[in-house]
Amino acid sequence: MSKKRTNYSSAFKAKLVLELLQNESTLAQIASKHNI
Protein backbone atom coordinates (compact mmCIF):
# COMPACT_ATOMS: atom_id res chain seq x y z
CA MET A 1 0.00 0.00 0.00
CA SER A 2 1.22 3.44 -0.80
CA LYS A 3 1.56 6.12 1.82
CA LYS A 4 -1.20 8.74 1.91
CA ARG A 5 0.02 12.19 0.94
CA THR A 6 -0.24 14.87 3.60
CA ASN A 7 -1.88 18.15 2.64
CA TYR A 8 -0.69 21.18 4.57
CA SER A 9 -2.89 24.23 5.07
CA SER A 10 -2.02 27.58 3.53
CA ALA A 11 -1.64 29.05 7.02
CA PHE A 12 0.89 26.38 7.97
CA LYS A 13 2.88 26.97 4.78
CA ALA A 14 2.86 30.74 5.32
CA LYS A 15 4.08 30.25 8.90
CA LEU A 16 7.00 28.15 7.67
CA VAL A 17 7.94 30.68 4.99
CA LEU A 18 7.89 33.52 7.52
CA GLU A 19 10.04 31.48 9.87
CA LEU A 20 12.50 30.81 7.06
CA LEU A 21 12.72 34.49 6.11
CA GLN A 22 13.06 35.80 9.67
CA ASN A 23 15.63 33.34 11.01
CA GLU A 24 19.06 32.17 10.06
CA SER A 25 17.73 28.60 9.88
CA THR A 26 17.99 26.58 6.70
CA LEU A 27 15.02 25.00 4.99
CA ALA A 28 16.20 21.56 6.12
CA GLN A 29 16.40 22.67 9.76
CA ILE A 30 12.87 24.09 9.67
CA ALA A 31 11.52 20.98 7.94
CA SER A 32 13.01 18.64 10.53
CA LYS A 33 11.77 20.87 13.37
CA HIS A 34 8.20 20.53 12.05
CA ASN A 35 8.57 16.84 11.06
CA ILE A 36 7.97 17.32 7.36
PDB file of N, CA and C in Angstrom:
ATOM      1  N   MET A   1       0.822  -1.194   0.000  1.00  0.00           N
ATOM      2  CA  MET A   1       0.000   0.000   0.000  1.00  0.00           C
ATOM      3  C   MET A   1       0.859   1.249   0.000  1.00  0.00           C
ATOM      4  N   SER A   2       0.455   2.207  -0.761  1.00  0.00           N
ATOM      5  CA  SER A   2       1.223   3.441  -0.804  1.00  0.00           C
ATOM      6  C   SER A   2       0.836   4.346   0.358  1.00  0.00           C
ATOM      7  N   LYS A   3       1.771   5.196   0.706  1.00  0.00           N
ATOM      8  CA  LYS A   3       1.562   6.117   1.824  1.00  0.00           C
ATOM      9  C   LYS A   3       0.665   7.268   1.379  1.00  0.00           C
ATOM     10  N   LYS A   4      -0.294   7.639   2.237  1.00  0.00           N
ATOM     11  CA  LYS A   4      -1.198   8.739   1.906  1.00  0.00           C
ATOM     12  C   LYS A   4      -0.441  10.058   1.974  1.00  0.00           C
ATOM     13  N   ARG A   5      -0.641  10.894   0.995  1.00  0.00           N
ATOM     14  CA  ARG A   5       0.021  12.186   0.936  1.00  0.00           C
ATOM     15  C   ARG A   5      -0.596  13.157   1.925  1.00  0.00           C
ATOM     16  N   THR A   6       0.247  13.894   2.623  1.00  0.00           N
ATOM     17  CA  THR A   6      -0.235  14.871   3.596  1.00  0.00           C
ATOM     18  C   THR A   6      -0.445  16.210   2.915  1.00  0.00           C
ATOM     19  N   ASN A   7      -1.603  16.812   3.162  1.00  0.00           N
ATOM     20  CA  ASN A   7      -1.885  18.148   2.643  1.00  0.00           C
ATOM     21  C   ASN A   7      -1.746  19.143   3.776  1.00  0.00           C
ATOM     22  N   TYR A   8      -0.918  20.160   3.553  1.00  0.00           N
ATOM     23  CA  TYR A   8      -0.691  21.179   4.566  1.00  0.00           C
ATOM     24  C   TYR A   8      -1.519  22.411   4.238  1.00  0.00           C
ATOM     25  N   SER A   9      -2.043  23.054   5.275  1.00  0.00           N
ATOM     26  CA  SER A   9      -2.885  24.229   5.069  1.00  0.00           C
ATOM     27  C   SER A   9      -2.043  25.414   4.606  1.00  0.00           C
ATOM     28  N   SER A  10      -2.700  26.367   3.988  1.00  0.00           N
ATOM     29  CA  SER A  10      -2.018  27.577   3.532  1.00  0.00           C
ATOM     30  C   SER A  10      -1.429  28.343   4.705  1.00  0.00           C
ATOM     31  N   ALA A  11      -2.134  28.348   5.830  1.00  0.00           N
ATOM     32  CA  ALA A  11      -1.642  29.049   7.016  1.00  0.00           C
ATOM     33  C   ALA A  11      -0.355  28.408   7.531  1.00  0.00           C
ATOM     34  N   PHE A  12      -0.302  27.083   7.521  1.00  0.00           N
ATOM     35  CA  PHE A  12       0.894  26.376   7.972  1.00  0.00           C
ATOM     36  C   PHE A  12       2.073  26.683   7.048  1.00  0.00           C
ATOM     37  N   LYS A  13       1.826  26.675   5.748  1.00  0.00           N
ATOM     38  CA  LYS A  13       2.878  26.973   4.777  1.00  0.00           C
ATOM     39  C   LYS A  13       3.390  28.397   4.948  1.00  0.00           C
ATOM     40  N   ALA A  14       2.471  29.341   5.143  1.00  0.00           N
ATOM     41  CA  ALA A  14       2.858  30.740   5.324  1.00  0.00           C
ATOM     42  C   ALA A  14       3.698  30.902   6.585  1.00  0.00           C
ATOM     43  N   LYS A  15       3.325  30.192   7.641  1.00  0.00           N
ATOM     44  CA  LYS A  15       4.075  30.252   8.898  1.00  0.00           C
ATOM     45  C   LYS A  15       5.509  29.763   8.691  1.00  0.00           C
ATOM     46  N   LEU A  16       5.669  28.687   7.931  1.00  0.00           N
ATOM     47  CA  LEU A  16       7.003  28.153   7.675  1.00  0.00           C
ATOM     48  C   LEU A  16       7.835  29.110   6.827  1.00  0.00           C
ATOM     49  N   VAL A  17       7.220  29.732   5.841  1.00  0.00           N
ATOM     50  CA  VAL A  17       7.939  30.681   4.989  1.00  0.00           C
ATOM     51  C   VAL A  17       8.396  31.882   5.808  1.00  0.00           C
ATOM     52  N   LEU A  18       7.516  32.396   6.664  1.00  0.00           N
ATOM     53  CA  LEU A  18       7.891  33.521   7.517  1.00  0.00           C
ATOM     54  C   LEU A  18       9.032  33.140   8.449  1.00  0.00           C
ATOM     55  N   GLU A  19       8.970  31.948   8.993  1.00  0.00           N
ATOM     56  CA  GLU A  19      10.042  31.477   9.875  1.00  0.00           C
ATOM     57  C   GLU A  19      11.357  31.382   9.113  1.00  0.00           C
ATOM     58  N   LEU A  20      11.298  30.926   7.887  1.00  0.00           N
ATOM     59  CA  LEU A  20      12.497  30.809   7.059  1.00  0.00           C
ATOM     60  C   LEU A  20      13.095  32.180   6.763  1.00  0.00           C
ATOM     61  N   LEU A  21      12.241  33.156   6.457  1.00  0.00           N
ATOM     62  CA  LEU A  21      12.723  34.488   6.106  1.00  0.00           C
ATOM     63  C   LEU A  21      13.241  35.267   7.317  1.00  0.00           C
ATOM     64  N   GLN A  22      12.686  35.028   8.487  1.00  0.00           N
ATOM     65  CA  GLN A  22      13.055  35.796   9.673  1.00  0.00           C
ATOM     66  C   GLN A  22      14.291  35.248  10.375  1.00  0.00           C
ATOM     67  N   ASN A  23      14.536  33.967  10.262  1.00  0.00           N
ATOM     68  CA  ASN A  23      15.627  33.339  11.013  1.00  0.00           C
ATOM     69  C   ASN A  23      16.814  33.035  10.121  1.00  0.00           C
ATOM     70  N   GLU A  24      17.864  32.606  10.767  1.00  0.00           N
ATOM     71  CA  GLU A  24      19.059  32.171  10.060  1.00  0.00           C
ATOM     72  C   GLU A  24      19.013  30.667   9.788  1.00  0.00           C
ATOM     73  N   SER A  25      17.882  30.043  10.071  1.00  0.00           N
ATOM     74  CA  SER A  25      17.733  28.599   9.877  1.00  0.00           C
ATOM     75  C   SER A  25      17.666  28.261   8.392  1.00  0.00           C
ATOM     76  N   THR A  26      18.117  27.061   8.076  1.00  0.00           N
ATOM     77  CA  THR A  26      17.992  26.585   6.703  1.00  0.00           C
ATOM     78  C   THR A  26      16.639  25.908   6.526  1.00  0.00           C
ATOM     79  N   LEU A  27      16.277  25.680   5.297  1.00  0.00           N
ATOM     80  CA  LEU A  27      15.018  24.998   4.991  1.00  0.00           C
ATOM     81  C   LEU A  27      14.995  23.607   5.614  1.00  0.00           C
ATOM     82  N   ALA A  28      16.124  22.905   5.550  1.00  0.00           N
ATOM     83  CA  ALA A  28      16.203  21.558   6.117  1.00  0.00           C
ATOM     84  C   ALA A  28      16.001  21.576   7.631  1.00  0.00           C
ATOM     85  N   GLN A  29      16.559  22.572   8.308  1.00  0.00           N
ATOM     86  CA  GLN A  29      16.395  22.673   9.762  1.00  0.00           C
ATOM     87  C   GLN A  29      14.936  22.909  10.128  1.00  0.00           C
ATOM     88  N   ILE A  30      14.275  23.795   9.402  1.00  0.00           N
ATOM     89  CA  ILE A  30      12.865  24.094   9.673  1.00  0.00           C
ATOM     90  C   ILE A  30      12.002  22.871   9.378  1.00  0.00           C
ATOM     91  N   ALA A  31      12.293  22.171   8.297  1.00  0.00           N
ATOM     92  CA  ALA A  31      11.521  20.978   7.940  1.00  0.00           C
ATOM     93  C   ALA A  31      11.644  19.900   9.010  1.00  0.00           C
ATOM     94  N   SER A  32      12.846  19.670   9.505  1.00  0.00           N
ATOM     95  CA  SER A  32      13.011  18.640  10.532  1.00  0.00           C
ATOM     96  C   SER A  32      12.377  19.068  11.848  1.00  0.00           C
ATOM     97  N   LYS A  33      12.400  20.354  12.140  1.00  0.00           N
ATOM     98  CA  LYS A  33      11.773  20.868  13.365  1.00  0.00           C
ATOM     99  C   LYS A  33      10.267  20.609  13.360  1.00  0.00           C
ATOM    100  N   HIS A  34       9.645  20.706  12.180  1.00  0.00           N
ATOM    101  CA  HIS A  34       8.200  20.527  12.049  1.00  0.00           C
ATOM    102  C   HIS A  34       7.821  19.133  11.540  1.00  0.00           C
ATOM    103  N   ASN A  35       8.802  18.236  11.479  1.00  0.00           N
ATOM    104  CA  ASN A  35       8.572  16.837  11.064  1.00  0.00           C
ATOM    105  C   ASN A  35       7.929  16.716   9.686  1.00  0.00           C
ATOM    106  N   ILE A  36       8.463  17.443   8.734  1.00  0.00           N
ATOM    107  CA  ILE A  36       7.968  17.319   7.358  1.00  0.00           C
ATOM    108  C   ILE A  36       9.104  16.948   6.423  1.00  0.00           C
TER     109      ILE A  36
END
